[in-house]
């Protein structure tokens, strides 16, 4: 699975780890994350992420 980087703050979403603090389980592909999810660091929306 591909990693996605926040273009605002540089946070990298790695599907291997997910985002447990936001309820996203490890192994969850970026495309499968709900559209309401935001960057856990800066609050940027999913459309501000790009594939690494």
PDB file of N, CA and C in Angstrom:
ATOM      1  N   UNK A   1       0.835  -1.187   0.000  1.00  0.00           N
ATOM      2  CA  UNK A   1       0.000   0.000   0.000  1.00  0.00           C
ATOM      3  C   UNK A   1       0.879   1.249   0.000  1.00  0.00           C
ATOM      4  N   UNK A   2       0.346   2.287  -0.599  1.00  0.00           N
ATOM      5  CA  UNK A   2       1.136   3.502  -0.768  1.00  0.00           C
ATOM      6  C   UNK A   2       0.983   4.450   0.411  1.00  0.00           C
ATOM      7  N   UNK A   3       2.060   5.192   0.664  1.00  0.00           N
ATOM      8  CA  UNK A   3       2.048   6.224   1.690  1.00  0.00           C
ATOM      9  C   UNK A   3       1.567   7.524   1.054  1.00  0.00           C
ATOM     10  N   UNK A   4       0.919   8.351   1.847  1.00  0.00           N
ATOM     11  CA  UNK A   4       0.409   9.645   1.394  1.00  0.00           C
ATOM     12  C   UNK A   4       0.943  10.737   2.313  1.00  0.00           C
ATOM     13  N   UNK A   5       1.361  11.856   1.723  1.00  0.00           N
ATOM     14  CA  UNK A   5       1.981  12.950   2.479  1.00  0.00           C
ATOM     15  C   UNK A   5       1.100  14.186   2.478  1.00  0.00           C
ATOM     16  N   UNK A   6       0.952  14.788   3.650  1.00  0.00           N
ATOM     17  CA  UNK A   6       0.209  16.039   3.781  1.00  0.00           C
ATOM     18  C   UNK A   6       1.047  17.157   3.162  1.00  0.00           C
ATOM     19  N   UNK A   7       0.462  17.883   2.216  1.00  0.00           N
ATOM     20  CA  UNK A   7       1.197  18.952   1.543  1.00  0.00           C
ATOM     21  C   UNK A   7       1.285  20.206   2.410  1.00  0.00           C
ATOM     22  N   UNK A   8       0.558  20.228   3.516  1.00  0.00           N
ATOM     23  CA  UNK A   8       0.585  21.390   4.400  1.00  0.00           C
ATOM     24  C   UNK A   8       1.707  21.270   5.433  1.00  0.00           C
ATOM     25  N   UNK A   9       1.759  20.111   6.134  1.00  0.00           N
ATOM     26  CA  UNK A   9       2.721  19.998   7.238  1.00  0.00           C
ATOM     27  C   UNK A   9       3.767  18.902   7.057  1.00  0.00           C
ATOM     28  N   UNK A  10       3.586  18.024   6.062  1.00  0.00           N
ATOM     29  CA  UNK A  10       4.577  16.974   5.823  1.00  0.00           C
ATOM     30  C   UNK A  10       4.291  15.654   6.521  1.00  0.00           C
ATOM     31  N   UNK A  11       3.198  15.569   7.278  1.00  0.00           N
ATOM     32  CA  UNK A  11       2.826  14.302   7.920  1.00  0.00           C
ATOM     33  C   UNK A  11       2.648  13.229   6.843  1.00  0.00           C
ATOM     34  N   UNK A  12       3.145  12.031   7.123  1.00  0.00           N
ATOM     35  CA  UNK A  12       2.994  10.929   6.179  1.00  0.00           C
ATOM     36  C   UNK A  12       2.045   9.889   6.765  1.00  0.00           C
ATOM     37  N   UNK A  13       0.949   9.629   6.026  1.00  0.00           N
ATOM     38  CA  UNK A  13       0.041   8.550   6.419  1.00  0.00           C
ATOM     39  C   UNK A  13       0.600   7.250   5.865  1.00  0.00           C
ATOM     40  N   UNK A  14       0.931   6.335   6.765  1.00  0.00           N
ATOM     41  CA  UNK A  14       1.455   5.026   6.393  1.00  0.00           C
ATOM     42  C   UNK A  14       0.392   3.983   6.722  1.00  0.00           C
ATOM     43  N   UNK A  15      -0.186   3.339   5.685  1.00  0.00           N
ATOM     44  CA  UNK A  15      -1.253   2.366   5.944  1.00  0.00           C
ATOM     45  C   UNK A  15      -0.831   1.209   6.837  1.00  0.00           C
ATOM     46  N   UNK A  16       0.444   0.934   6.919  1.00  0.00           N
ATOM     47  CA  UNK A  16       0.916  -0.148   7.792  1.00  0.00           C
ATOM     48  C   UNK A  16       0.564   0.150   9.255  1.00  0.00           C
ATOM     49  N   UNK A  17       0.576   1.430   9.612  1.00  0.00           N
ATOM     50  CA  UNK A  17       0.314   1.838  10.995  1.00  0.00           C
ATOM     51  C   UNK A  17      -1.078   2.435  11.185  1.00  0.00           C
ATOM     52  N   UNK A  18      -1.697   2.940  10.109  1.00  0.00           N
ATOM     53  CA  UNK A  18      -2.995   3.579  10.218  1.00  0.00           C
ATOM     54  C   UNK A  18      -2.902   4.858  11.044  1.00  0.00           C
ATOM     55  N   UNK A  19      -3.998   5.217  11.681  1.00  0.00           N
ATOM     56  CA  UNK A  19      -4.048   6.379  12.577  1.00  0.00           C
ATOM     57  C   UNK A  19      -4.974   6.007  13.733  1.00  0.00           C
ATOM     58  N   UNK A  20      -4.475   5.137  14.625  1.00  0.00           N
ATOM     59  CA  UNK A  20      -5.317   4.627  15.715  1.00  0.00           C
ATOM     60  C   UNK A  20      -5.966   5.715  16.567  1.00  0.00           C
ATOM     61  N   UNK A  21      -5.278   6.836  16.754  1.00  0.00           N
ATOM     62  CA  UNK A  21      -5.848   7.917  17.564  1.00  0.00           C
ATOM     63  C   UNK A  21      -7.107   8.503  16.923  1.00  0.00           C
ATOM     64  N   UNK A  22      -7.234   8.334  15.612  1.00  0.00           N
ATOM     65  CA  UNK A  22      -8.412   8.821  14.892  1.00  0.00           C
ATOM     66  C   UNK A  22      -9.355   7.689  14.496  1.00  0.00           C
ATOM     67  N   UNK A  23      -9.092   6.486  15.014  1.00  0.00           N
ATOM     68  CA  UNK A  23      -9.969   5.353  14.734  1.00  0.00           C
ATOM     69  C   UNK A  23      -9.692   4.646  13.419  1.00  0.00           C
ATOM     70  N   UNK A  24      -8.520   4.913  12.812  1.00  0.00           N
ATOM     71  CA  UNK A  24      -8.153   4.267  11.552  1.00  0.00           C
ATOM     72  C   UNK A  24      -7.207   3.102  11.880  1.00  0.00           C
ATOM     73  N   UNK A  25      -7.681   1.891  11.639  1.00  0.00           N
ATOM     74  CA  UNK A  25      -6.928   0.691  12.006  1.00  0.00           C
ATOM     75  C   UNK A  25      -5.713   0.493  11.111  1.00  0.00           C
ATOM     76  N   UNK A  26      -4.641  -0.120  11.667  1.00  0.00           N
ATOM     77  CA  UNK A  26      -3.500  -0.495  10.829  1.00  0.00           C
ATOM     78  C   UNK A  26      -3.971  -1.361   9.667  1.00  0.00           C
ATOM     79  N   UNK A  27      -3.371  -1.157   8.497  1.00  0.00           N
ATOM     80  CA  UNK A  27      -3.740  -1.914   7.312  1.00  0.00           C
ATOM     81  C   UNK A  27      -4.809  -1.235   6.470  1.00  0.00           C
ATOM     82  N   UNK A  28      -5.253  -0.037   6.879  1.00  0.00           N
ATOM     83  CA  UNK A  28      -6.295   0.681   6.139  1.00  0.00           C
ATOM     84  C   UNK A  28      -5.666   1.528   5.038  1.00  0.00           C
ATOM     85  N   UNK A  29      -6.039   1.241   3.794  1.00  0.00           N
ATOM     86  CA  UNK A  29      -5.542   2.021   2.658  1.00  0.00           C
ATOM     87  C   UNK A  29      -6.056   3.457   2.747  1.00  0.00           C
ATOM     88  N   UNK A  30      -5.272   4.409   2.271  1.00  0.00           N
ATOM     89  CA  UNK A  30      -5.661   5.823   2.307  1.00  0.00           C
ATOM     90  C   UNK A  30      -7.012   6.033   1.637  1.00  0.00           C
ATOM     91  N   UNK A  31      -7.237   5.330   0.531  1.00  0.00           N
ATOM     92  CA  UNK A  31      -8.481   5.466  -0.223  1.00  0.00           C
ATOM     93  C   UNK A  31      -9.693   4.997   0.579  1.00  0.00           C
ATOM     94  N   UNK A  32      -9.467   4.144   1.581  1.00  0.00           N
ATOM     95  CA  UNK A  32     -10.560   3.602   2.388  1.00  0.00           C
ATOM     96  C   UNK A  32     -10.876   4.440   3.627  1.00  0.00           C
ATOM     97  N   UNK A  33     -10.054   5.440   3.897  1.00  0.00           N
ATOM     98  CA  UNK A  33     -10.300   6.320   5.042  1.00  0.00           C
ATOM     99  C   UNK A  33     -11.506   7.203   4.705  1.00  0.00           C
ATOM    100  N   UNK A  34     -12.406   7.416   5.665  1.00  0.00           N
ATOM    101  CA  UNK A  34     -13.560   8.292   5.397  1.00  0.00           C
ATOM    102  C   UNK A  34     -13.113   9.693   4.968  1.00  0.00           C
ATOM    103  N   UNK A  35     -13.904  10.324   4.103  1.00  0.00           N
ATOM    104  CA  UNK A  35     -13.569  11.668   3.622  1.00  0.00           C
ATOM    105  C   UNK A  35     -13.559  12.696   4.743  1.00  0.00           C
ATOM    106  N   UNK A  36     -14.187  12.377   5.853  1.00  0.00           N
ATOM    107  CA  UNK A  36     -14.225  13.314   6.984  1.00  0.00           C
ATOM    108  C   UNK A  36     -12.921  13.328   7.789  1.00  0.00           C
ATOM    109  N   UNK A  37     -12.029  12.347   7.526  1.00  0.00           N
ATOM    110  CA  UNK A  37     -10.757  12.277   8.235  1.00  0.00           C
ATOM    111  C   UNK A  37      -9.898  13.480   7.882  1.00  0.00           C
ATOM    112  N   UNK A  38      -9.137  13.975   8.863  1.00  0.00           N
ATOM    113  CA  UNK A  38      -8.215  15.082   8.630  1.00  0.00           C
ATOM    114  C   UNK A  38      -6.838  14.717   9.160  1.00  0.00           C
ATOM    115  N   UNK A  39      -5.832  15.418   8.690  1.00  0.00           N
ATOM    116  CA  UNK A  39      -4.459  15.203   9.148  1.00  0.00           C
ATOM    117  C   UNK A  39      -4.407  15.344  10.669  1.00  0.00           C
ATOM    118  N   UNK A  40      -3.825  14.357  11.357  1.00  0.00           N
ATOM    119  CA  UNK A  40      -3.784  14.422  12.817  1.00  0.00           C
ATOM    120  C   UNK A  40      -2.839  15.498  13.354  1.00  0.00           C
ATOM    121  N   UNK A  41      -1.986  16.037  12.505  1.00  0.00           N
ATOM    122  CA  UNK A  41      -1.044  17.069  12.942  1.00  0.00           C
ATOM    123  C   UNK A  41      -1.614  18.468  12.732  1.00  0.00           C
ATOM    124  N   UNK A  42      -2.073  18.741  11.501  1.00  0.00           N
ATOM    125  CA  UNK A  42      -2.474  20.116  11.177  1.00  0.00           C
ATOM    126  C   UNK A  42      -3.951  20.289  10.836  1.00  0.00           C
ATOM    127  N   UNK A  43      -4.691  19.179  10.702  1.00  0.00           N
ATOM    128  CA  UNK A  43      -6.116  19.279  10.405  1.00  0.00           C
ATOM    129  C   UNK A  43      -6.462  19.444   8.929  1.00  0.00           C
ATOM    130  N   UNK A  44      -5.467  19.272   8.045  1.00  0.00           N
ATOM    131  CA  UNK A  44      -5.724  19.384   6.606  1.00  0.00           C
ATOM    132  C   UNK A  44      -6.643  18.255   6.144  1.00  0.00           C
ATOM    133  N   UNK A  45      -7.473  18.536   5.153  1.00  0.00           N
ATOM    134  CA  UNK A  45      -8.397  17.538   4.623  1.00  0.00           C
ATOM    135  C   UNK A  45      -7.668  16.576   3.679  1.00  0.00           C
ATOM    136  N   UNK A  46      -8.331  15.445   3.381  1.00  0.00           N
ATOM    137  CA  UNK A  46      -7.708  14.400   2.552  1.00  0.00           C
ATOM    138  C   UNK A  46      -7.261  14.897   1.177  1.00  0.00           C
ATOM    139  N   UNK A  47      -7.968  15.884   0.626  1.00  0.00           N
ATOM    140  CA  UNK A  47      -7.618  16.369  -0.712  1.00  0.00           C
ATOM    141  C   UNK A  47      -6.297  17.138  -0.728  1.00  0.00           C
ATOM    142  N   UNK A  48      -5.733  17.418   0.445  1.00  0.00           N
ATOM    143  CA  UNK A  48      -4.452  18.108   0.516  1.00  0.00           C
ATOM    144  C   UNK A  48      -3.285  17.133   0.713  1.00  0.00           C
ATOM    145  N   UNK A  49      -3.549  15.842   0.502  1.00  0.00           N
ATOM    146  CA  UNK A  49      -2.513  14.815   0.573  1.00  0.00           C
ATOM    147  C   UNK A  49      -2.135  14.391  -0.851  1.00  0.00           C
ATOM    148  N   UNK A  50      -0.879  13.983  -1.015  1.00  0.00           N
ATOM    149  CA  UNK A  50      -0.432  13.461  -2.309  1.00  0.00           C
ATOM    150  C   UNK A  50       0.349  12.184  -2.079  1.00  0.00           C
ATOM    151  N   UNK A  51       0.315  11.294  -3.092  1.00  0.00           N
ATOM    152  CA  UNK A  51       1.063  10.033  -3.001  1.00  0.00           C
ATOM    153  C   UNK A  51       2.543  10.323  -2.882  1.00  0.00           C
ATOM    154  N   UNK A  52       3.203   9.515  -2.057  1.00  0.00           N
ATOM    155  CA  UNK A  52       4.652   9.638  -1.929  1.00  0.00           C
ATOM    156  C   UNK A  52       5.324   8.779  -2.956  1.00  0.00           C
TER     157      UNK A  52
END
